[in-house]
N, C-alpha and C. Protein backbone atom coordinates (compact mmCIF):
# COMPACT_ATOMS: atom_id res chain seq x y z
N MET A 1 0.84 -1.18 0.00
CA MET A 1 0.00 0.00 0.00
C MET A 1 0.88 1.24 0.00
N ASN A 2 0.30 2.34 -0.41
CA ASN A 2 1.02 3.59 -0.47
C ASN A 2 1.16 4.19 0.92
N THR A 3 2.36 4.59 1.30
CA THR A 3 2.60 5.14 2.63
C THR A 3 2.71 6.66 2.60
N ASN A 4 2.17 7.30 1.57
CA ASN A 4 2.18 8.74 1.45
C ASN A 4 1.38 9.34 2.60
N PRO A 5 1.97 10.28 3.38
CA PRO A 5 1.24 10.87 4.51
C PRO A 5 -0.04 11.60 4.09
N GLN A 6 -0.07 12.10 2.86
CA GLN A 6 -1.27 12.76 2.36
C GLN A 6 -2.44 11.78 2.34
N PHE A 7 -2.18 10.53 1.94
CA PHE A 7 -3.23 9.52 1.93
C PHE A 7 -3.69 9.19 3.34
N GLU A 8 -2.76 9.13 4.27
CA GLU A 8 -3.13 8.81 5.66
C GLU A 8 -4.04 9.90 6.23
N ASN A 9 -3.76 11.16 5.92
CA ASN A 9 -4.61 12.24 6.41
C ASN A 9 -6.01 12.16 5.81
N MET A 10 -6.10 11.80 4.52
CA MET A 10 -7.41 11.66 3.89
C MET A 10 -8.17 10.51 4.52
N ASN A 11 -7.49 9.43 4.79
CA ASN A 11 -8.12 8.24 5.33
C ASN A 11 -8.70 8.49 6.72
N ASN A 12 -8.04 9.30 7.52
CA ASN A 12 -8.48 9.54 8.89
C ASN A 12 -9.50 10.66 9.02
N ASP A 13 -9.76 11.39 7.95
CA ASP A 13 -10.72 12.49 7.98
C ASP A 13 -12.13 11.92 7.89
N VAL A 14 -12.93 12.13 8.94
CA VAL A 14 -14.28 11.55 8.99
C VAL A 14 -15.22 12.19 7.99
N SER A 15 -14.86 13.33 7.41
CA SER A 15 -15.75 13.96 6.43
C SER A 15 -15.83 13.16 5.13
N PHE A 16 -14.89 12.23 4.92
CA PHE A 16 -14.90 11.39 3.73
C PHE A 16 -15.72 10.12 3.93
N TYR A 17 -16.27 9.91 5.10
CA TYR A 17 -17.08 8.73 5.38
C TYR A 17 -18.56 9.11 5.33
N LYS A 18 -19.31 8.48 4.43
CA LYS A 18 -20.74 8.70 4.32
C LYS A 18 -21.44 7.79 5.33
N PHE A 19 -22.33 8.34 6.10
CA PHE A 19 -23.05 7.62 7.16
C PHE A 19 -22.09 7.00 8.17
N GLY A 20 -20.86 7.49 8.21
CA GLY A 20 -19.87 6.98 9.14
C GLY A 20 -19.31 5.62 8.78
N VAL A 21 -19.71 5.07 7.62
CA VAL A 21 -19.31 3.72 7.25
C VAL A 21 -18.63 3.65 5.89
N PHE A 22 -19.19 4.33 4.89
CA PHE A 22 -18.73 4.21 3.51
C PHE A 22 -17.73 5.30 3.18
N TYR A 23 -16.50 4.90 2.82
CA TYR A 23 -15.45 5.85 2.45
C TYR A 23 -15.71 6.32 1.02
N PHE A 24 -15.79 7.63 0.82
CA PHE A 24 -16.08 8.21 -0.49
C PHE A 24 -15.21 9.43 -0.68
N ASN A 25 -14.13 9.28 -1.47
CA ASN A 25 -13.18 10.37 -1.69
C ASN A 25 -12.67 10.31 -3.12
N LYS A 26 -13.11 11.24 -3.96
CA LYS A 26 -12.72 11.25 -5.36
C LYS A 26 -11.25 11.59 -5.55
N ARG A 27 -10.65 12.32 -4.63
CA ARG A 27 -9.25 12.70 -4.77
C ARG A 27 -8.29 11.58 -4.37
N ASP A 28 -8.78 10.59 -3.68
CA ASP A 28 -7.96 9.46 -3.25
C ASP A 28 -7.91 8.44 -4.40
N SER A 29 -6.73 8.16 -4.91
CA SER A 29 -6.61 7.27 -6.07
C SER A 29 -6.68 5.79 -5.69
N ARG A 30 -6.66 5.49 -4.41
CA ARG A 30 -6.67 4.08 -3.98
C ARG A 30 -8.07 3.49 -4.08
N PHE A 31 -8.13 2.21 -4.45
CA PHE A 31 -9.40 1.48 -4.50
C PHE A 31 -9.76 0.95 -3.13
N MET A 32 -8.80 0.36 -2.45
CA MET A 32 -8.99 -0.13 -1.08
C MET A 32 -8.12 0.70 -0.15
N VAL A 33 -8.73 1.16 0.93
CA VAL A 33 -8.03 2.02 1.88
C VAL A 33 -8.11 1.41 3.27
N PRO A 34 -7.09 1.65 4.10
CA PRO A 34 -7.18 1.17 5.49
C PRO A 34 -8.33 1.88 6.21
N LYS A 35 -9.02 1.15 7.06
CA LYS A 35 -10.10 1.76 7.83
C LYS A 35 -9.51 2.76 8.81
N ALA A 36 -10.32 3.72 9.23
CA ALA A 36 -9.87 4.73 10.17
C ALA A 36 -9.47 4.09 11.50
N SER A 37 -10.08 2.96 11.83
CA SER A 37 -9.75 2.25 13.08
C SER A 37 -8.47 1.44 12.97
N LYS A 38 -7.89 1.39 11.77
CA LYS A 38 -6.65 0.66 11.47
C LYS A 38 -6.83 -0.85 11.49
N LEU A 39 -8.06 -1.33 11.62
CA LEU A 39 -8.33 -2.77 11.64
C LEU A 39 -9.03 -3.16 10.34
N GLY A 40 -8.25 -3.54 9.35
CA GLY A 40 -8.82 -3.98 8.09
C GLY A 40 -8.85 -2.88 7.04
N TYR A 41 -9.53 -3.19 5.94
CA TYR A 41 -9.61 -2.28 4.80
C TYR A 41 -11.06 -2.06 4.40
N THR A 42 -11.30 -0.98 3.71
CA THR A 42 -12.62 -0.68 3.17
C THR A 42 -12.46 -0.23 1.72
N ILE A 43 -13.56 -0.17 1.01
CA ILE A 43 -13.53 0.20 -0.40
C ILE A 43 -13.80 1.70 -0.54
N ASN A 44 -13.11 2.34 -1.46
CA ASN A 44 -13.37 3.73 -1.78
C ASN A 44 -14.54 3.77 -2.76
N PHE A 45 -15.72 4.12 -2.29
CA PHE A 45 -16.92 4.08 -3.11
C PHE A 45 -16.99 5.22 -4.12
N ALA A 46 -15.99 6.08 -4.18
CA ALA A 46 -15.93 7.12 -5.21
C ALA A 46 -15.41 6.54 -6.52
N LYS A 47 -14.89 5.33 -6.49
CA LYS A 47 -14.36 4.68 -7.68
C LYS A 47 -15.44 3.79 -8.29
N PRO A 48 -15.62 3.83 -9.62
CA PRO A 48 -16.64 2.99 -10.27
C PRO A 48 -16.40 1.50 -10.07
N TYR A 49 -15.16 1.11 -9.88
CA TYR A 49 -14.84 -0.30 -9.68
C TYR A 49 -15.48 -0.85 -8.41
N ALA A 50 -15.74 0.00 -7.45
CA ALA A 50 -16.37 -0.45 -6.21
C ALA A 50 -17.75 -1.02 -6.49
N TYR A 51 -18.51 -0.34 -7.32
CA TYR A 51 -19.86 -0.80 -7.63
C TYR A 51 -19.85 -2.04 -8.52
N ILE A 52 -18.86 -2.12 -9.40
CA ILE A 52 -18.71 -3.32 -10.22
C ILE A 52 -18.38 -4.52 -9.34
N MET A 53 -17.50 -4.32 -8.37
CA MET A 53 -17.10 -5.40 -7.46
C MET A 53 -18.29 -5.85 -6.59
N ILE A 54 -19.02 -4.90 -6.04
CA ILE A 54 -20.20 -5.24 -5.22
C ILE A 54 -21.24 -5.97 -6.07
N GLY A 55 -21.46 -5.50 -7.29
CA GLY A 55 -22.41 -6.16 -8.19
C GLY A 55 -21.99 -7.59 -8.51
N ALA A 56 -20.69 -7.80 -8.74
CA ALA A 56 -20.19 -9.14 -9.04
C ALA A 56 -20.38 -10.08 -7.84
N ILE A 57 -20.16 -9.57 -6.65
CA ILE A 57 -20.33 -10.39 -5.45
C ILE A 57 -21.81 -10.76 -5.27
N VAL A 58 -22.69 -9.78 -5.43
CA VAL A 58 -24.13 -10.06 -5.31
C VAL A 58 -24.58 -11.05 -6.38
N LEU A 59 -24.09 -10.86 -7.60
CA LEU A 59 -24.45 -11.76 -8.69
C LEU A 59 -23.96 -13.19 -8.40
N ALA A 60 -22.77 -13.33 -7.87
CA ALA A 60 -22.24 -14.66 -7.52
C ALA A 60 -23.09 -15.33 -6.43
N ILE A 61 -23.50 -14.54 -5.45
CA ILE A 61 -24.32 -15.10 -4.36
C ILE A 61 -25.68 -15.54 -4.91
N VAL A 62 -26.31 -14.69 -5.70
CA VAL A 62 -27.64 -15.02 -6.27
C VAL A 62 -27.53 -16.24 -7.18
N ALA A 63 -26.49 -16.29 -8.01
CA ALA A 63 -26.30 -17.42 -8.91
C ALA A 63 -26.09 -18.71 -8.13
N SER A 64 -25.32 -18.64 -7.06
CA SER A 64 -25.09 -19.87 -6.27
C SER A 64 -26.35 -20.35 -5.58
N ILE A 65 -27.21 -19.42 -5.18
CA ILE A 65 -28.48 -19.81 -4.56
C ILE A 65 -29.42 -20.42 -5.60
N LEU A 66 -29.48 -19.82 -6.76
CA LEU A 66 -30.41 -20.30 -7.79
C LEU A 66 -29.95 -21.61 -8.43
N LEU A 67 -28.66 -21.87 -8.45
CA LEU A 67 -28.14 -23.07 -9.10
C LEU A 67 -27.98 -24.26 -8.16
N THR A 68 -28.36 -24.08 -6.91
CA THR A 68 -28.24 -25.22 -5.98
C THR A 68 -29.56 -25.90 -5.75
């Protein structure tokens, strides 16, 4: 991961978290960012890939349910 201090400041700023849960920052180039609590990672929902990834996961779950 990138250790640029500018990224760390963006990550810890609560104004970039929607509803306190979803990280949304268009200026942050990272797709996955460390959580503000430093325990794990979250997705930057300002990136279109986030929605593609969530859609693929939902599609995989629905397909597995329907095909069993």
